[in-house]
């Protein structure tokens, strides 16, 4: 589709059904750059699907940063995001997920060492953070250094 057709699709009831106000917030630079990629639009729909992540429109708009948009079609990225919500992963709620996904977290999400270090922060043998504390603690600076040698010692 052409660019305007793709934008109209975001607002149509058959698309995401975004209001004009939601559309304006949603259209970050990275979203705009990828909007005509059918794989990107499919991945965006998956974020809202209850069979995948199940974000509401409001959560999607907050979740969709330039970092997320840039990686959304990377192989395994959606699965890694879904893992953050699964009981076997971190067990984050959708609301917690949206807050947790800073740019630095997004950039490191597919790194197994990063996820292992995040789990360690929640372990009673390390720091024992609750999910709520982890979300507040996980700034871009922490995420960027979490796998540095000696950081968790």
N, C-alpha and C. Protein backbone atom coordinates (compact mmCIF):
# COMPACT_ATOMS: atom_id res chain seq x y z
N UNK A 1 0.83 -1.21 0.00
CA UNK A 1 0.00 0.00 0.00
C UNK A 1 0.85 1.25 0.00
N UNK A 2 0.27 2.35 -0.47
CA UNK A 2 0.94 3.63 -0.41
C UNK A 2 0.94 4.15 1.01
N UNK A 3 1.70 5.20 1.26
CA UNK A 3 1.84 5.71 2.62
C UNK A 3 0.50 6.17 3.20
N UNK A 4 -0.24 7.00 2.46
CA UNK A 4 -1.51 7.50 2.99
C UNK A 4 -2.50 6.36 3.19
N UNK A 5 -2.49 5.39 2.31
CA UNK A 5 -3.36 4.23 2.46
C UNK A 5 -3.00 3.47 3.75
N UNK A 6 -1.71 3.33 4.01
CA UNK A 6 -1.27 2.65 5.23
C UNK A 6 -1.68 3.43 6.48
N UNK A 7 -1.57 4.76 6.43
CA UNK A 7 -1.99 5.59 7.56
C UNK A 7 -3.50 5.46 7.77
N UNK A 8 -4.27 5.52 6.69
CA UNK A 8 -5.72 5.34 6.81
C UNK A 8 -6.05 3.97 7.39
N UNK A 9 -5.25 2.97 7.04
CA UNK A 9 -5.46 1.62 7.57
C UNK A 9 -5.29 1.56 9.08
N UNK A 10 -4.39 2.38 9.62
CA UNK A 10 -4.20 2.42 11.07
C UNK A 10 -5.44 2.96 11.78
N UNK A 11 -6.17 3.83 11.09
CA UNK A 11 -7.36 4.45 11.68
C UNK A 11 -8.64 3.67 11.40
N UNK A 12 -8.63 2.83 10.40
CA UNK A 12 -9.87 2.14 10.03
C UNK A 12 -10.23 1.07 11.07
N UNK A 13 -11.51 0.79 11.21
CA UNK A 13 -11.94 -0.27 12.14
C UNK A 13 -11.37 -1.64 11.77
N UNK A 14 -11.09 -1.86 10.49
CA UNK A 14 -10.49 -3.12 10.07
C UNK A 14 -8.99 -3.17 10.34
N UNK A 15 -8.40 -2.00 10.57
CA UNK A 15 -6.98 -1.93 10.91
C UNK A 15 -6.83 -1.92 12.42
N UNK A 16 -6.17 -0.90 12.94
CA UNK A 16 -6.01 -0.79 14.39
C UNK A 16 -7.13 0.02 15.03
N UNK A 17 -7.83 0.80 14.23
CA UNK A 17 -8.92 1.62 14.76
C UNK A 17 -8.42 2.77 15.63
N UNK A 18 -7.27 3.32 15.30
CA UNK A 18 -6.72 4.43 16.08
C UNK A 18 -7.51 5.71 15.81
N UNK A 19 -7.70 6.51 16.85
CA UNK A 19 -8.27 7.85 16.66
C UNK A 19 -7.18 8.73 16.04
N UNK A 20 -7.55 9.90 15.59
CA UNK A 20 -6.54 10.81 15.02
C UNK A 20 -5.51 11.19 16.08
N UNK A 21 -5.96 11.43 17.31
CA UNK A 21 -5.03 11.76 18.39
C UNK A 21 -4.07 10.62 18.67
N UNK A 22 -4.58 9.39 18.69
CA UNK A 22 -3.73 8.22 18.90
C UNK A 22 -2.75 8.05 17.74
N UNK A 23 -3.23 8.31 16.52
CA UNK A 23 -2.37 8.19 15.34
C UNK A 23 -1.18 9.13 15.43
N UNK A 24 -1.43 10.37 15.84
CA UNK A 24 -0.37 11.37 15.94
C UNK A 24 0.71 10.91 16.92
N UNK A 25 0.30 10.35 18.04
CA UNK A 25 1.25 9.87 19.04
C UNK A 25 1.98 8.61 18.56
N UNK A 26 1.26 7.75 17.87
CA UNK A 26 1.81 6.48 17.40
C UNK A 26 2.90 6.65 16.35
N UNK A 27 2.80 7.68 15.53
CA UNK A 27 3.68 7.84 14.38
C UNK A 27 5.05 8.41 14.74
N UNK A 28 5.86 7.59 15.43
CA UNK A 28 7.24 8.00 15.70
C UNK A 28 8.02 7.92 14.39
N UNK A 29 9.22 8.40 14.39
CA UNK A 29 10.04 8.35 13.18
C UNK A 29 10.25 6.94 12.67
N UNK A 30 10.50 6.00 13.58
CA UNK A 30 10.74 4.62 13.16
C UNK A 30 9.47 3.93 12.67
N UNK A 31 8.32 4.29 13.23
CA UNK A 31 7.06 3.75 12.72
C UNK A 31 6.84 4.26 11.31
N UNK A 32 7.02 5.54 11.11
CA UNK A 32 6.83 6.15 9.80
C UNK A 32 7.74 5.49 8.75
N UNK A 33 8.97 5.23 9.12
CA UNK A 33 9.92 4.62 8.18
C UNK A 33 9.53 3.19 7.80
N UNK A 34 8.78 2.51 8.65
CA UNK A 34 8.45 1.10 8.41
C UNK A 34 6.98 0.87 8.05
N UNK A 35 6.21 1.91 8.00
CA UNK A 35 4.77 1.78 7.85
C UNK A 35 4.34 1.06 6.58
N UNK A 36 5.09 1.15 5.54
CA UNK A 36 4.70 0.51 4.28
C UNK A 36 5.21 -0.93 4.18
N UNK A 37 5.88 -1.42 5.19
CA UNK A 37 6.37 -2.80 5.24
C UNK A 37 5.24 -3.69 5.77
N UNK A 38 4.71 -4.60 4.95
CA UNK A 38 3.62 -5.47 5.40
C UNK A 38 4.00 -6.31 6.63
N UNK A 39 5.25 -6.70 6.76
CA UNK A 39 5.70 -7.46 7.92
C UNK A 39 5.63 -6.64 9.20
N UNK A 40 5.89 -5.35 9.08
CA UNK A 40 5.80 -4.46 10.23
C UNK A 40 4.35 -4.35 10.69
N UNK A 41 3.45 -4.12 9.74
CA UNK A 41 2.03 -3.99 10.10
C UNK A 41 1.49 -5.28 10.68
N UNK A 42 1.94 -6.40 10.17
CA UNK A 42 1.53 -7.70 10.72
C UNK A 42 2.02 -7.84 12.16
N UNK A 43 3.25 -7.43 12.43
CA UNK A 43 3.80 -7.51 13.78
C UNK A 43 3.07 -6.57 14.74
N UNK A 44 2.68 -5.38 14.25
CA UNK A 44 1.92 -4.44 15.07
C UNK A 44 0.58 -5.07 15.44
N UNK A 45 -0.09 -5.68 14.47
CA UNK A 45 -1.36 -6.35 14.76
C UNK A 45 -1.17 -7.48 15.78
N UNK A 46 -0.05 -8.19 15.69
CA UNK A 46 0.24 -9.28 16.63
C UNK A 46 0.37 -8.74 18.05
N UNK A 47 0.94 -7.56 18.20
CA UNK A 47 1.07 -6.97 19.54
C UNK A 47 -0.30 -6.78 20.19
N UNK A 48 -1.32 -6.50 19.37
CA UNK A 48 -2.67 -6.27 19.89
C UNK A 48 -3.50 -7.55 19.97
N UNK A 49 -3.06 -8.60 19.33
CA UNK A 49 -3.82 -9.85 19.31
C UNK A 49 -3.76 -10.53 20.67
N UNK A 50 -4.92 -10.98 21.17
CA UNK A 50 -4.90 -11.71 22.44
C UNK A 50 -4.16 -13.04 22.35
N UNK A 51 -3.92 -13.51 21.12
CA UNK A 51 -3.19 -14.76 20.93
C UNK A 51 -1.68 -14.54 20.98
N UNK A 52 -1.26 -13.29 20.96
CA UNK A 52 0.18 -12.99 21.01
C UNK A 52 0.49 -12.22 22.29
N UNK A 53 0.39 -10.91 22.26
CA UNK A 53 0.69 -10.09 23.44
C UNK A 53 -0.60 -9.56 24.06
N UNK A 54 -1.51 -9.05 23.24
CA UNK A 54 -2.79 -8.57 23.74
C UNK A 54 -2.79 -7.16 24.28
N UNK A 55 -1.95 -6.28 23.71
CA UNK A 55 -1.94 -4.89 24.16
C UNK A 55 -3.20 -4.17 23.71
N UNK A 56 -3.70 -3.28 24.55
CA UNK A 56 -4.80 -2.40 24.14
C UNK A 56 -4.22 -1.33 23.21
N UNK A 57 -5.08 -0.56 22.55
CA UNK A 57 -4.59 0.51 21.67
C UNK A 57 -3.76 1.51 22.47
N UNK A 58 -4.22 1.84 23.66
CA UNK A 58 -3.49 2.80 24.49
C UNK A 58 -2.12 2.24 24.88
N UNK A 59 -2.08 0.98 25.25
CA UNK A 59 -0.79 0.36 25.60
C UNK A 59 0.12 0.28 24.39
N UNK A 60 -0.42 -0.04 23.23
CA UNK A 60 0.37 -0.11 22.00
C UNK A 60 1.04 1.23 21.71
N UNK A 61 0.30 2.30 21.85
CA UNK A 61 0.84 3.63 21.55
C UNK A 61 1.99 3.97 22.47
N UNK A 62 1.86 3.64 23.75
CA UNK A 62 2.95 3.89 24.70
C UNK A 62 4.12 2.95 24.44
N UNK A 63 3.83 1.72 24.12
CA UNK A 63 4.85 0.69 23.89
C UNK A 63 5.69 0.97 22.65
N UNK A 64 5.08 1.56 21.62
CA UNK A 64 5.73 1.71 20.32
C UNK A 64 6.71 2.88 20.30
N UNK A 65 7.89 2.63 20.77
CA UNK A 65 8.98 3.61 20.71
C UNK A 65 9.75 3.40 19.41
N UNK A 66 10.68 4.30 19.13
CA UNK A 66 11.55 4.12 17.97
C UNK A 66 12.33 2.81 18.09
N UNK A 67 12.77 2.48 19.31
CA UNK A 67 13.54 1.24 19.52
C UNK A 67 12.71 0.00 19.22
N UNK A 68 11.46 -0.03 19.69
CA UNK A 68 10.59 -1.17 19.42
C UNK A 68 10.30 -1.26 17.93
N UNK A 69 9.93 -0.14 17.32
CA UNK A 69 9.61 -0.14 15.89
C UNK A 69 10.79 -0.65 15.06
N UNK A 70 11.99 -0.27 15.44
CA UNK A 70 13.18 -0.67 14.69
C UNK A 70 13.45 -2.17 14.77
N UNK A 71 12.99 -2.82 15.84
CA UNK A 71 13.29 -4.24 16.05
C UNK A 71 12.08 -5.16 15.88
N UNK A 72 10.93 -4.59 15.68
CA UNK A 72 9.68 -5.36 15.71
C UNK A 72 9.65 -6.52 14.72
N UNK A 73 10.28 -6.36 13.59
CA UNK A 73 10.28 -7.44 12.59
C UNK A 73 11.52 -8.31 12.66
N UNK A 74 12.39 -8.06 13.63
CA UNK A 74 13.57 -8.92 13.79
C UNK A 74 13.11 -10.32 14.19
N UNK A 75 13.72 -11.35 13.62
CA UNK A 75 13.34 -12.72 13.98
C UNK A 75 13.48 -12.94 15.49
N UNK A 76 12.44 -13.43 16.10
CA UNK A 76 12.47 -13.75 17.51
C UNK A 76 12.08 -12.62 18.45
N UNK A 77 11.94 -11.39 17.94
CA UNK A 77 11.66 -10.26 18.84
C UNK A 77 10.29 -10.39 19.50
N UNK A 78 9.25 -10.67 18.72
CA UNK A 78 7.91 -10.82 19.30
C UNK A 78 7.88 -11.95 20.32
N UNK A 79 8.58 -13.02 20.01
CA UNK A 79 8.64 -14.16 20.94
C UNK A 79 9.33 -13.75 22.24
N UNK A 80 10.37 -12.95 22.14
CA UNK A 80 11.07 -12.48 23.34
C UNK A 80 10.16 -11.56 24.17
N UNK A 81 9.40 -10.70 23.50
CA UNK A 81 8.45 -9.84 24.21
C UNK A 81 7.39 -10.69 24.89
N UNK A 82 6.87 -11.66 24.17
CA UNK A 82 5.86 -12.55 24.75
C UNK A 82 6.43 -13.28 25.96
N UNK A 83 7.70 -13.64 25.92
CA UNK A 83 8.35 -14.31 27.04
C UNK A 83 8.39 -13.46 28.30
N UNK A 84 8.44 -12.14 28.15
CA UNK A 84 8.43 -11.27 29.32
C UNK A 84 7.10 -11.36 30.07
N UNK A 85 6.04 -11.67 29.33
CA UNK A 85 4.70 -11.76 29.95
C UNK A 85 4.36 -13.17 30.43
N UNK A 86 5.08 -14.16 29.95
CA UNK A 86 4.73 -15.54 30.30
C UNK A 86 5.15 -15.84 31.74
N UNK A 87 4.42 -16.75 32.38
CA UNK A 87 4.80 -17.15 33.74
C UNK A 87 6.20 -17.75 33.82
N UNK A 88 6.66 -18.37 32.73
CA UNK A 88 8.01 -18.94 32.70
C UNK A 88 9.07 -17.86 32.49
N UNK A 89 8.64 -16.71 32.00
CA UNK A 89 9.57 -15.59 31.81
C UNK A 89 9.55 -14.73 33.07
N UNK A 90 9.22 -13.45 32.89
CA UNK A 90 9.13 -12.56 34.05
C UNK A 90 7.71 -12.48 34.60
N UNK A 91 6.73 -12.89 33.81
CA UNK A 91 5.35 -12.83 34.26
C UNK A 91 4.81 -11.42 34.37
N UNK A 92 5.30 -10.51 33.52
CA UNK A 92 4.84 -9.12 33.56
C UNK A 92 3.42 -9.02 33.02
N UNK A 93 2.64 -8.13 33.59
CA UNK A 93 1.33 -7.81 33.02
C UNK A 93 1.57 -6.95 31.78
N UNK A 94 0.55 -6.73 30.99
CA UNK A 94 0.72 -5.88 29.80
C UNK A 94 1.11 -4.46 30.21
N UNK A 95 0.48 -3.95 31.25
CA UNK A 95 0.82 -2.61 31.73
C UNK A 95 2.27 -2.53 32.21
N UNK A 96 2.72 -3.55 32.91
CA UNK A 96 4.11 -3.59 33.37
C UNK A 96 5.07 -3.69 32.18
N UNK A 97 4.69 -4.48 31.18
CA UNK A 97 5.52 -4.64 29.98
C UNK A 97 5.75 -3.30 29.30
N UNK A 98 4.70 -2.53 29.15
CA UNK A 98 4.78 -1.24 28.46
C UNK A 98 5.77 -0.31 29.18
N UNK A 99 5.74 -0.30 30.49
CA UNK A 99 6.65 0.54 31.27
C UNK A 99 8.08 -0.01 31.25
N UNK A 100 8.22 -1.31 31.27
CA UNK A 100 9.52 -1.97 31.33
C UNK A 100 10.36 -1.75 30.07
N UNK A 101 9.70 -1.64 28.91
CA UNK A 101 10.41 -1.62 27.63
C UNK A 101 11.02 -0.26 27.31
N UNK A 102 12.08 0.08 28.01
CA UNK A 102 12.85 1.27 27.68
C UNK A 102 13.66 0.98 26.42
N UNK A 103 14.26 2.00 25.87
CA UNK A 103 15.07 1.82 24.67
C UNK A 103 16.22 0.84 24.88
N UNK A 104 16.88 0.93 26.05
CA UNK A 104 18.00 0.04 26.32
C UNK A 104 17.55 -1.40 26.57
N UNK A 105 16.37 -1.57 27.21
CA UNK A 105 15.84 -2.92 27.38
C UNK A 105 15.52 -3.51 26.02
N UNK A 106 14.86 -2.73 25.18
CA UNK A 106 14.51 -3.20 23.84
C UNK A 106 15.75 -3.62 23.05
N UNK A 107 16.80 -2.83 23.15
CA UNK A 107 18.03 -3.12 22.40
C UNK A 107 18.70 -4.41 22.87
N UNK A 108 18.47 -4.79 24.13
CA UNK A 108 19.17 -5.95 24.70
C UNK A 108 18.26 -7.16 24.91
N UNK A 109 17.00 -7.03 24.56
CA UNK A 109 16.02 -8.06 24.88
C UNK A 109 16.35 -9.43 24.32
N UNK A 110 16.98 -9.49 23.18
CA UNK A 110 17.26 -10.78 22.55
C UNK A 110 18.59 -11.39 23.02
N UNK A 111 19.27 -10.71 23.91
CA UNK A 111 20.53 -11.19 24.46
C UNK A 111 20.22 -12.10 25.66
N UNK A 112 20.50 -13.41 25.56
CA UNK A 112 20.19 -14.32 26.67
C UNK A 112 20.87 -13.92 27.98
N UNK A 113 22.05 -13.35 27.91
CA UNK A 113 22.74 -12.89 29.11
C UNK A 113 21.99 -11.77 29.80
N UNK A 114 21.36 -10.91 29.02
CA UNK A 114 20.58 -9.82 29.58
C UNK A 114 19.38 -10.36 30.35
N UNK A 115 18.64 -11.27 29.74
CA UNK A 115 17.45 -11.83 30.40
C UNK A 115 17.84 -12.61 31.66
N UNK A 116 18.96 -13.29 31.60
CA UNK A 116 19.46 -14.01 32.78
C UNK A 116 19.78 -13.02 33.90
N UNK A 117 20.40 -11.91 33.56
CA UNK A 117 20.73 -10.89 34.56
C UNK A 117 19.47 -10.24 35.13
N UNK A 118 18.45 -10.04 34.28
CA UNK A 118 17.18 -9.48 34.76
C UNK A 118 16.54 -10.44 35.76
N UNK A 119 16.53 -11.72 35.42
CA UNK A 119 15.98 -12.72 36.35
C UNK A 119 16.76 -12.73 37.67
N UNK A 120 18.07 -12.53 37.59
CA UNK A 120 18.90 -12.50 38.80
C UNK A 120 18.49 -11.35 39.72
N UNK A 121 18.12 -10.21 39.13
CA UNK A 121 17.69 -9.08 39.95
C UNK A 121 16.46 -9.43 40.79
N UNK A 122 15.62 -10.33 40.26
CA UNK A 122 14.40 -10.73 40.96
C UNK A 122 14.64 -11.91 41.91
N UNK A 123 15.77 -12.54 41.80
CA UNK A 123 16.07 -13.71 42.62
C UNK A 123 16.36 -13.30 44.06
N UNK A 124 15.81 -14.03 45.03
CA UNK A 124 16.12 -13.72 46.42
C UNK A 124 17.60 -13.92 46.75
N UNK A 125 18.32 -14.64 45.91
CA UNK A 125 19.75 -14.87 46.13
C UNK A 125 20.60 -13.70 45.63
N UNK A 126 19.98 -12.78 44.90
CA UNK A 126 20.71 -11.62 44.38
C UNK A 126 20.19 -10.37 45.08
N UNK A 127 19.17 -9.74 44.51
CA UNK A 127 18.59 -8.55 45.12
C UNK A 127 17.17 -8.82 45.59
N UNK A 128 16.44 -9.66 44.87
CA UNK A 128 15.07 -10.02 45.26
C UNK A 128 14.04 -8.95 44.96
N UNK A 129 14.21 -8.25 43.84
CA UNK A 129 13.25 -7.21 43.47
C UNK A 129 11.91 -7.84 43.09
N UNK A 130 10.83 -7.18 43.47
CA UNK A 130 9.51 -7.58 42.98
C UNK A 130 9.39 -7.09 41.54
N UNK A 131 8.37 -7.52 40.83
CA UNK A 131 8.17 -7.06 39.45
C UNK A 131 8.02 -5.54 39.40
N UNK A 132 7.26 -5.00 40.34
CA UNK A 132 7.06 -3.54 40.37
C UNK A 132 8.37 -2.81 40.63
N UNK A 133 9.17 -3.33 41.55
CA UNK A 133 10.47 -2.72 41.83
C UNK A 133 11.41 -2.85 40.64
N UNK A 134 11.38 -3.99 39.97
CA UNK A 134 12.22 -4.20 38.79
C UNK A 134 11.92 -3.17 37.72
N UNK A 135 10.65 -2.92 37.48
CA UNK A 135 10.24 -1.97 36.45
C UNK A 135 10.74 -0.57 36.77
N UNK A 136 10.65 -0.17 38.02
CA UNK A 136 11.13 1.14 38.43
C UNK A 136 12.67 1.20 38.36
N UNK A 137 13.31 0.13 38.76
CA UNK A 137 14.77 0.04 38.80
C UNK A 137 15.39 0.04 37.40
N UNK A 138 14.69 -0.55 36.41
CA UNK A 138 15.25 -0.79 35.08
C UNK A 138 15.25 0.46 34.22
N UNK A 139 16.17 1.35 34.49
CA UNK A 139 16.36 2.53 33.66
C UNK A 139 17.23 2.16 32.47
N UNK A 140 17.35 3.07 31.52
CA UNK A 140 18.24 2.83 30.38
C UNK A 140 19.67 2.59 30.85
N UNK A 141 20.09 3.33 31.88
CA UNK A 141 21.46 3.19 32.39
C UNK A 141 21.70 1.81 32.99
N UNK A 142 20.74 1.32 33.78
CA UNK A 142 20.88 -0.02 34.37
C UNK A 142 20.89 -1.07 33.27
N UNK A 143 19.96 -0.97 32.34
CA UNK A 143 19.88 -1.95 31.26
C UNK A 143 21.17 -1.99 30.45
N UNK A 144 21.76 -0.83 30.23
CA UNK A 144 22.99 -0.76 29.43
C UNK A 144 24.18 -1.41 30.13
N UNK A 145 24.15 -1.47 31.46
CA UNK A 145 25.29 -1.99 32.21
C UNK A 145 25.05 -3.35 32.85
N UNK A 146 23.85 -3.83 32.76
CA UNK A 146 23.45 -5.02 33.49
C UNK A 146 24.32 -6.24 33.20
N UNK A 147 24.80 -6.37 32.00
CA UNK A 147 25.63 -7.53 31.65
C UNK A 147 27.13 -7.22 31.72
N UNK A 148 27.47 -6.02 32.19
CA UNK A 148 28.89 -5.70 32.34
C UNK A 148 29.50 -6.62 33.42
N UNK A 149 30.73 -7.06 33.21
CA UNK A 149 31.39 -7.90 34.22
C UNK A 149 31.40 -7.22 35.58
N UNK A 150 30.98 -7.93 36.59
CA UNK A 150 31.00 -7.42 37.95
C UNK A 150 29.80 -6.58 38.36
N UNK A 151 28.90 -6.26 37.44
CA UNK A 151 27.78 -5.38 37.77
C UNK A 151 26.87 -5.99 38.83
N UNK A 152 26.60 -7.26 38.74
CA UNK A 152 25.70 -7.91 39.70
C UNK A 152 26.42 -8.54 40.89
N UNK A 153 27.69 -8.27 41.01
CA UNK A 153 28.44 -8.84 42.15
C UNK A 153 28.40 -7.92 43.33
